[in-house]
PDB file of all heavy atoms in Angstrom:
ATOM      1  N   VAL A   1      30.913  -9.029  -2.926  1.00  0.00           N
ATOM      2  CA  VAL A   1      31.053  -8.083  -4.042  1.00  0.00           C
ATOM      3  C   VAL A   1      31.013  -6.633  -3.588  1.00  0.00           C
ATOM      4  O   VAL A   1      31.254  -5.751  -4.404  1.00  0.00           O
ATOM      5  CB  VAL A   1      29.982  -8.326  -5.135  1.00  0.00           C
ATOM      6  CG1 VAL A   1      29.985  -9.783  -5.576  1.00  0.00           C
ATOM      7  CG2 VAL A   1      28.574  -7.923  -4.618  1.00  0.00           C
ATOM      8  N   LYS A   2      30.748  -6.418  -2.319  1.00  0.00           N
ATOM      9  CA  LYS A   2      30.631  -5.054  -1.832  1.00  0.00           C
ATOM     10  C   LYS A   2      31.972  -4.314  -2.029  1.00  0.00           C
ATOM     11  O   LYS A   2      33.056  -4.860  -1.774  1.00  0.00           O
ATOM     12  CB  LYS A   2      30.271  -5.082  -0.347  1.00  0.00           C
ATOM     13  CG  LYS A   2      29.676  -3.799   0.195  1.00  0.00           C
ATOM     14  CD  LYS A   2      29.122  -4.011   1.585  1.00  0.00           C
ATOM     15  CE  LYS A   2      27.908  -4.921   1.574  1.00  0.00           C
ATOM     16  NZ  LYS A   2      27.324  -5.104   2.914  1.00  0.00           N
ATOM     17  N   GLY A   3      31.866  -3.064  -2.506  1.00  0.00           N
ATOM     18  CA  GLY A   3      33.051  -2.292  -2.768  1.00  0.00           C
ATOM     19  C   GLY A   3      33.608  -2.488  -4.180  1.00  0.00           C
ATOM     20  O   GLY A   3      34.499  -1.742  -4.611  1.00  0.00           O
ATOM     21  N   ARG A   4      33.114  -3.509  -4.880  1.00  0.00           N
ATOM     22  CA  ARG A   4      33.619  -3.780  -6.254  1.00  0.00           C
ATOM     23  C   ARG A   4      32.482  -3.733  -7.283  1.00  0.00           C
ATOM     24  O   ARG A   4      32.710  -3.324  -8.404  1.00  0.00           O
ATOM     25  CB  ARG A   4      34.280  -5.140  -6.305  1.00  0.00           C
ATOM     26  CG  ARG A   4      35.494  -5.274  -5.361  1.00  0.00           C
ATOM     27  CD  ARG A   4      36.216  -6.598  -5.569  1.00  0.00           C
ATOM     28  NE  ARG A   4      35.367  -7.744  -5.331  1.00  0.00           N
ATOM     29  CZ  ARG A   4      35.092  -8.689  -6.254  1.00  0.00           C
ATOM     30  NH1 ARG A   4      35.632  -8.598  -7.465  1.00  0.00           N
ATOM     31  NH2 ARG A   4      34.343  -9.722  -5.931  1.00  0.00           N
ATOM     32  N   PHE A   5      31.301  -4.201  -6.900  1.00  0.00           N
ATOM     33  CA  PHE A   5      30.152  -4.280  -7.837  1.00  0.00           C
ATOM     34  C   PHE A   5      29.151  -3.213  -7.470  1.00  0.00           C
ATOM     35  O   PHE A   5      28.921  -2.962  -6.280  1.00  0.00           O
ATOM     36  CB  PHE A   5      29.503  -5.618  -7.765  1.00  0.00           C
ATOM     37  CG  PHE A   5      30.301  -6.784  -8.311  1.00  0.00           C
ATOM     38  CD1 PHE A   5      31.645  -6.671  -8.634  1.00  0.00           C
ATOM     39  CD2 PHE A   5      29.681  -8.023  -8.506  1.00  0.00           C
ATOM     40  CE1 PHE A   5      32.341  -7.743  -9.135  1.00  0.00           C
ATOM     41  CE2 PHE A   5      30.386  -9.096  -8.996  1.00  0.00           C
ATOM     42  CZ  PHE A   5      31.731  -8.963  -9.298  1.00  0.00           C
ATOM     43  N   THR A   6      28.497  -2.636  -8.492  1.00  0.00           N
ATOM     44  CA  THR A   6      27.433  -1.675  -8.275  1.00  0.00           C
ATOM     45  C   THR A   6      26.222  -2.043  -9.135  1.00  0.00           C
ATOM     46  O   THR A   6      26.400  -2.287 -10.332  1.00  0.00           O
ATOM     47  CB  THR A   6      27.899  -0.258  -8.649  1.00  0.00           C
ATOM     48  OG1 THR A   6      29.055   0.070  -7.843  1.00  0.00           O
ATOM     49  CG2 THR A   6      26.797   0.773  -8.358  1.00  0.00           C
ATOM     50  N   ILE A   7      25.073  -2.111  -8.523  1.00  0.00           N
ATOM     51  CA  ILE A   7      23.848  -2.355  -9.263  1.00  0.00           C
ATOM     52  C   ILE A   7      23.138  -1.057  -9.451  1.00  0.00           C
ATOM     53  O   ILE A   7      23.081  -0.184  -8.603  1.00  0.00           O
ATOM     54  CB  ILE A   7      22.967  -3.383  -8.509  1.00  0.00           C
ATOM     55  CG1 ILE A   7      21.765  -3.793  -9.371  1.00  0.00           C
ATOM     56  CG2 ILE A   7      22.529  -2.857  -7.136  1.00  0.00           C
ATOM     57  CD1 ILE A   7      20.964  -4.969  -8.778  1.00  0.00           C
ATOM     58  N   SER A   8      22.540  -0.895 -10.671  1.00  0.00           N
ATOM     59  CA  SER A   8      21.776   0.312 -10.990  1.00  0.00           C
ATOM     60  C   SER A   8      20.697  -0.068 -11.989  1.00  0.00           C
ATOM     61  O   SER A   8      20.704  -1.192 -12.531  1.00  0.00           O
ATOM     62  CB  SER A   8      22.673   1.421 -11.548  1.00  0.00           C
ATOM     63  OG  SER A   8      23.278   0.983 -12.757  1.00  0.00           O
ATOM     64  N   ARG A   9      19.788   0.844 -12.242  1.00  0.00           N
ATOM     65  CA  ARG A   9      18.745   0.583 -13.242  1.00  0.00           C
ATOM     66  C   ARG A   9      18.349   1.851 -13.915  1.00  0.00           C
ATOM     67  O   ARG A   9      18.453   2.952 -13.367  1.00  0.00           O
ATOM     68  CB  ARG A   9      17.527  -0.085 -12.550  1.00  0.00           C
ATOM     69  CG  ARG A   9      16.796   0.781 -11.573  1.00  0.00           C
ATOM     70  CD  ARG A   9      15.775  -0.057 -10.759  1.00  0.00           C
ATOM     71  NE  ARG A   9      14.710  -0.620 -11.603  1.00  0.00           N
ATOM     72  CZ  ARG A   9      13.948  -1.659 -11.221  1.00  0.00           C
ATOM     73  NH1 ARG A   9      14.133  -2.211 -10.060  1.00  0.00           N
ATOM     74  NH2 ARG A   9      13.003  -2.101 -12.038  1.00  0.00           N
ATOM     75  N   ASP A  10      17.831   1.710 -15.115  1.00  0.00           N
ATOM     76  CA  ASP A  10      17.259   2.806 -15.886  1.00  0.00           C
ATOM     77  C   ASP A  10      15.853   2.400 -16.277  1.00  0.00           C
ATOM     78  O   ASP A  10      15.685   1.603 -17.219  1.00  0.00           O
ATOM     79  CB  ASP A  10      18.129   3.094 -17.112  1.00  0.00           C
ATOM     80  CG  ASP A  10      17.660   4.338 -17.874  1.00  0.00           C
ATOM     81  OD1 ASP A  10      16.491   4.721 -17.729  1.00  0.00           O
ATOM     82  OD2 ASP A  10      18.450   4.857 -18.662  1.00  0.00           O
ATOM     83  N   ASN A  11      14.879   2.887 -15.559  1.00  0.00           N
ATOM     84  CA  ASN A  11      13.491   2.488 -15.821  1.00  0.00           C
ATOM     85  C   ASN A  11      12.950   3.014 -17.142  1.00  0.00           C
ATOM     86  O   ASN A  11      11.977   2.468 -17.673  1.00  0.00           O
ATOM     87  CB  ASN A  11      12.596   2.902 -14.667  1.00  0.00           C
ATOM     88  CG  ASN A  11      12.821   2.058 -13.428  1.00  0.00           C
ATOM     89  OD1 ASN A  11      13.388   0.982 -13.480  1.00  0.00           O
ATOM     90  ND2 ASN A  11      12.370   2.580 -12.299  1.00  0.00           N
ATOM     91  N   THR A  12      13.586   4.025 -17.705  1.00  0.00           N
ATOM     92  CA  THR A  12      13.149   4.509 -19.018  1.00  0.00           C
ATOM     93  C   THR A  12      13.584   3.546 -20.126  1.00  0.00           C
ATOM     94  O   THR A  12      13.040   3.561 -21.223  1.00  0.00           O
ATOM     95  CB  THR A  12      13.716   5.890 -19.322  1.00  0.00           C
ATOM     96  OG1 THR A  12      15.156   5.814 -19.448  1.00  0.00           O
ATOM     97  CG2 THR A  12      13.378   6.889 -18.228  1.00  0.00           C
ATOM     98  N   LYS A  13      14.575   2.699 -19.799  1.00  0.00           N
ATOM     99  CA  LYS A  13      15.074   1.726 -20.779  1.00  0.00           C
ATOM    100  C   LYS A  13      14.769   0.306 -20.383  1.00  0.00           C
ATOM    101  O   LYS A  13      15.223  -0.648 -21.040  1.00  0.00           O
ATOM    102  CB  LYS A  13      16.602   1.905 -20.925  1.00  0.00           C
ATOM    103  CG  LYS A  13      17.052   3.235 -21.478  1.00  0.00           C
ATOM    104  CD  LYS A  13      18.542   3.318 -21.643  1.00  0.00           C
ATOM    105  CE  LYS A  13      18.963   4.646 -22.240  1.00  0.00           C
ATOM    106  NZ  LYS A  13      20.429   4.746 -22.389  1.00  0.00           N
ATOM    107  N   ASN A  14      14.023   0.140 -19.261  1.00  0.00           N
ATOM    108  CA  ASN A  14      13.679  -1.197 -18.783  1.00  0.00           C
ATOM    109  C   ASN A  14      14.939  -2.072 -18.660  1.00  0.00           C
ATOM    110  O   ASN A  14      14.936  -3.239 -19.036  1.00  0.00           O
ATOM    111  CB  ASN A  14      12.702  -1.892 -19.718  1.00  0.00           C
ATOM    112  CG  ASN A  14      11.262  -1.473 -19.492  1.00  0.00           C
ATOM    113  OD1 ASN A  14      11.024  -0.436 -18.870  1.00  0.00           O
ATOM    114  ND2 ASN A  14      10.329  -2.240 -20.024  1.00  0.00           N
ATOM    115  N   THR A  15      15.962  -1.504 -18.061  1.00  0.00           N
ATOM    116  CA  THR A  15      17.235  -2.203 -18.002  1.00  0.00           C
ATOM    117  C   THR A  15      17.867  -2.042 -16.602  1.00  0.00           C
ATOM    118  O   THR A  15      17.811  -0.973 -15.996  1.00  0.00           O
ATOM    119  CB  THR A  15      18.221  -1.666 -19.060  1.00  0.00           C
ATOM    120  OG1 THR A  15      17.655  -1.799 -20.366  1.00  0.00           O
ATOM    121  CG2 THR A  15      19.551  -2.403 -19.018  1.00  0.00           C
ATOM    122  N   VAL A  16      18.434  -3.128 -16.121  1.00  0.00           N
ATOM    123  CA  VAL A  16      19.202  -3.125 -14.896  1.00  0.00           C
ATOM    124  C   VAL A  16      20.645  -3.493 -15.235  1.00  0.00           C
ATOM    125  O   VAL A  16      20.869  -4.283 -16.153  1.00  0.00           O
ATOM    126  CB  VAL A  16      18.594  -4.100 -13.840  1.00  0.00           C
ATOM    127  CG1 VAL A  16      18.589  -5.534 -14.347  1.00  0.00           C
ATOM    128  CG2 VAL A  16      19.306  -3.988 -12.496  1.00  0.00           C
ATOM    129  N   TYR A  17      21.563  -2.883 -14.507  1.00  0.00           N
ATOM    130  CA  TYR A  17      22.999  -3.067 -14.801  1.00  0.00           C
ATOM    131  C   TYR A  17      23.738  -3.621 -13.593  1.00  0.00           C
ATOM    132  O   TYR A  17      23.314  -3.433 -12.445  1.00  0.00           O
ATOM    133  CB  TYR A  17      23.636  -1.720 -15.181  1.00  0.00           C
ATOM    134  CG  TYR A  17      22.957  -1.027 -16.320  1.00  0.00           C
ATOM    135  CD1 TYR A  17      22.013  -0.010 -16.079  1.00  0.00           C
ATOM    136  CD2 TYR A  17      23.234  -1.356 -17.616  1.00  0.00           C
ATOM    137  CE1 TYR A  17      21.392   0.646 -17.115  1.00  0.00           C
ATOM    138  CE2 TYR A  17      22.632  -0.709 -18.677  1.00  0.00           C
ATOM    139  CZ  TYR A  17      21.699   0.296 -18.419  1.00  0.00           C
ATOM    140  OH  TYR A  17      21.095   0.922 -19.497  1.00  0.00           O
ATOM    141  N   LEU A  18      24.856  -4.283 -13.849  1.00  0.00           N
ATOM    142  CA  LEU A  18      25.773  -4.672 -12.802  1.00  0.00           C
ATOM    143  C   LEU A  18      27.173  -4.263 -13.260  1.00  0.00           C
ATOM    144  O   LEU A  18      27.717  -4.878 -14.140  1.00  0.00           O
ATOM    145  CB  LEU A  18      25.705  -6.152 -12.519  1.00  0.00           C
ATOM    146  CG  LEU A  18      26.512  -6.621 -11.313  1.00  0.00           C
ATOM    147  CD1 LEU A  18      25.937  -6.058  -9.996  1.00  0.00           C
ATOM    148  CD2 LEU A  18      26.615  -8.140 -11.233  1.00  0.00           C
ATOM    149  N   GLN A  19      27.658  -3.200 -12.666  1.00  0.00           N
ATOM    150  CA  GLN A  19      29.026  -2.745 -12.926  1.00  0.00           C
ATOM    151  C   GLN A  19      29.989  -3.520 -12.047  1.00  0.00           C
ATOM    152  O   GLN A  19      29.839  -3.461 -10.797  1.00  0.00           O
ATOM    153  CB  GLN A  19      29.158  -1.249 -12.697  1.00  0.00           C
ATOM    154  CG  GLN A  19      30.581  -0.720 -12.899  1.00  0.00           C
ATOM    155  CD  GLN A  19      31.017  -0.773 -14.352  1.00  0.00           C
ATOM    156  OE1 GLN A  19      30.244  -0.447 -15.257  1.00  0.00           O
ATOM    157  NE2 GLN A  19      32.255  -1.199 -14.581  1.00  0.00           N
ATOM    158  N   MET A  20      30.883  -4.236 -12.639  1.00  0.00           N
ATOM    159  CA  MET A  20      31.818  -5.083 -11.906  1.00  0.00           C
ATOM    160  C   MET A  20      33.242  -4.586 -12.087  1.00  0.00           C
ATOM    161  O   MET A  20      33.757  -4.584 -13.240  1.00  0.00           O
ATOM    162  CB  MET A  20      31.692  -6.531 -12.373  1.00  0.00           C
ATOM    163  CG  MET A  20      30.269  -7.063 -12.325  1.00  0.00           C
ATOM    164  SD  MET A  20      30.174  -8.812 -12.717  1.00  0.00           S
ATOM    165  CE  MET A  20      30.692  -8.774 -14.434  1.00  0.00           C
ATOM    166  N   ASN A  21      33.843  -4.116 -11.025  1.00  0.00           N
ATOM    167  CA  ASN A  21      35.215  -3.633 -11.051  1.00  0.00           C
ATOM    168  C   ASN A  21      36.137  -4.556 -10.262  1.00  0.00           C
ATOM    169  O   ASN A  21      35.661  -5.341  -9.420  1.00  0.00           O
ATOM    170  CB  ASN A  21      35.281  -2.210 -10.493  1.00  0.00           C
ATOM    171  CG  ASN A  21      34.447  -1.219 -11.274  1.00  0.00           C
ATOM    172  OD1 ASN A  21      34.298  -1.353 -12.516  1.00  0.00           O
ATOM    173  ND2 ASN A  21      33.919  -0.233 -10.617  1.00  0.00           N
ATOM    174  N   MET A  22      37.422  -4.429 -10.492  1.00  0.00           N
ATOM    175  CA  MET A  22      38.427  -5.215  -9.762  1.00  0.00           C
ATOM    176  C   MET A  22      38.062  -6.680  -9.732  1.00  0.00           C
ATOM    177  O   MET A  22      38.024  -7.339  -8.665  1.00  0.00           O
ATOM    178  CB  MET A  22      38.566  -4.668  -8.359  1.00  0.00           C
ATOM    179  CG  MET A  22      39.102  -3.239  -8.318  1.00  0.00           C
ATOM    180  SD  MET A  22      39.318  -2.640  -6.626  1.00  0.00           S
ATOM    181  CE  MET A  22      37.632  -2.445  -6.125  1.00  0.00           C
ATOM    182  N   LEU A  23      37.760  -7.220 -10.888  1.00  0.00           N
ATOM    183  CA  LEU A  23      37.303  -8.594 -11.000  1.00  0.00           C
ATOM    184  C   LEU A  23      38.398  -9.571 -10.534  1.00  0.00           C
ATOM    185  O   LEU A  23      39.575  -9.339 -10.747  1.00  0.00           O
ATOM    186  CB  LEU A  23      36.844  -8.925 -12.402  1.00  0.00           C
ATOM    187  CG  LEU A  23      35.451  -8.379 -12.742  1.00  0.00           C
ATOM    188  CD1 LEU A  23      35.255  -8.279 -14.242  1.00  0.00           C
ATOM    189  CD2 LEU A  23      34.384  -9.232 -12.094  1.00  0.00           C
ATOM    190  N   LYS A  24      37.946 -10.639  -9.918  1.00  0.00           N
ATOM    191  CA  LYS A  24      38.832 -11.670  -9.411  1.00  0.00           C
ATOM    192  C   LYS A  24      38.480 -13.016 -10.081  1.00  0.00           C
ATOM    193  O   LYS A  24      37.329 -13.216 -10.514  1.00  0.00           O
ATOM    194  CB  LYS A  24      38.655 -11.840  -7.896  1.00  0.00           C
ATOM    195  CG  LYS A  24      38.828 -10.543  -7.088  1.00  0.00           C
ATOM    196  CD  LYS A  24      38.521 -10.799  -5.628  1.00  0.00           C
ATOM    197  CE  LYS A  24      38.655  -9.537  -4.842  1.00  0.00           C
ATOM    198  NZ  LYS A  24      38.353  -9.761  -3.388  1.00  0.00           N
ATOM    199  N   PRO A  25      39.426 -13.941 -10.135  1.00  0.00           N
ATOM    200  CA  PRO A  25      39.090 -15.262 -10.703  1.00  0.00           C
ATOM    201  C   PRO A  25      37.880 -15.935 -10.023  1.00  0.00           C
ATOM    202  O   PRO A  25      37.111 -16.638 -10.687  1.00  0.00           O
ATOM    203  CB  PRO A  25      40.363 -16.067 -10.461  1.00  0.00           C
ATOM    204  CG  PRO A  25      41.456 -15.042 -10.487  1.00  0.00           C
ATOM    205  CD  PRO A  25      40.838 -13.840  -9.820  1.00  0.00           C
ATOM    206  N   GLU A  26      37.693 -15.681  -8.724  1.00  0.00           N
ATOM    207  CA  GLU A  26      36.555 -16.287  -8.041  1.00  0.00           C
ATOM    208  C   GLU A  26      35.218 -15.660  -8.419  1.00  0.00           C
ATOM    209  O   GLU A  26      34.163 -16.135  -7.990  1.00  0.00           O
ATOM    210  CB  GLU A  26      36.755 -16.232  -6.506  1.00  0.00           C
ATOM    211  CG  GLU A  26      37.107 -14.862  -5.969  1.00  0.00           C
ATOM    212  CD  GLU A  26      38.620 -14.676  -5.784  1.00  0.00           C
ATOM    213  OE1 GLU A  26      39.384 -15.080  -6.682  1.00  0.00           O
ATOM    214  OE2 GLU A  26      39.017 -14.146  -4.756  1.00  0.00           O
ATOM    215  N   ASP A  27      35.240 -14.596  -9.220  1.00  0.00           N
ATOM    216  CA  ASP A  27      34.007 -14.038  -9.745  1.00  0.00           C
ATOM    217  C   ASP A  27      33.537 -14.780 -10.984  1.00  0.00           C
ATOM    218  O   ASP A  27      32.427 -14.499 -11.485  1.00  0.00           O
ATOM    219  CB  ASP A  27      34.194 -12.539 -10.084  1.00  0.00           C
ATOM    220  CG  ASP A  27      34.463 -11.683  -8.901  1.00  0.00           C
ATOM    221  OD1 ASP A  27      33.816 -11.878  -7.852  1.00  0.00           O
ATOM    222  OD2 ASP A  27      35.342 -10.801  -9.003  1.00  0.00           O
ATOM    223  N   THR A  28      34.324 -15.696 -11.468  1.00  0.00           N
ATOM    224  CA  THR A  28      33.946 -16.498 -12.662  1.00  0.00           C
ATOM    225  C   THR A  28      32.662 -17.256 -12.381  1.00  0.00           C
ATOM    226  O   THR A  28      32.583 -17.994 -11.388  1.00  0.00           O
ATOM    227  CB  THR A  28      35.049 -17.473 -13.029  1.00  0.00           C
ATOM    228  OG1 THR A  28      36.208 -16.704 -13.469  1.00  0.00           O
ATOM    229  CG2 THR A  28      34.616 -18.404 -14.140  1.00  0.00           C
ATOM    230  N   ALA A  29      31.646 -17.030 -13.203  1.00  0.00           N
ATOM    231  CA  ALA A  29      30.336 -17.658 -13.009  1.00  0.00           C
ATOM    232  C   ALA A  29      29.403 -17.285 -14.154  1.00  0.00           C
ATOM    233  O   ALA A  29      29.701 -16.410 -14.967  1.00  0.00           O
ATOM    234  CB  ALA A  29      29.734 -17.193 -11.673  1.00  0.00           C
ATOM    235  N   LEU A  30      28.282 -17.941 -14.166  1.00  0.00           N
ATOM    236  CA  LEU A  30      27.175 -17.556 -15.033  1.00  0.00           C
ATOM    237  C   LEU A  30      26.309 -16.581 -14.228  1.00  0.00           C
ATOM    238  O   LEU A  30      25.888 -16.919 -13.119  1.00  0.00           O
ATOM    239  CB  LEU A  30      26.367 -18.794 -15.439  1.00  0.00           C
ATOM    240  CG  LEU A  30      25.319 -18.630 -16.548  1.00  0.00           C
ATOM    241  CD1 LEU A  30      25.957 -18.113 -17.855  1.00  0.00           C
ATOM    242  CD2 LEU A  30      24.630 -19.961 -16.819  1.00  0.00           C
TER     243      LEU A  30
END
């Protein structure tokens, strides 16, 4: 996922994010 996905967090909102760009069929998953 390197170069396509970015992980970040906002501790003031108790939330973590996964930004996924240039998605591919092989990214299909739970």
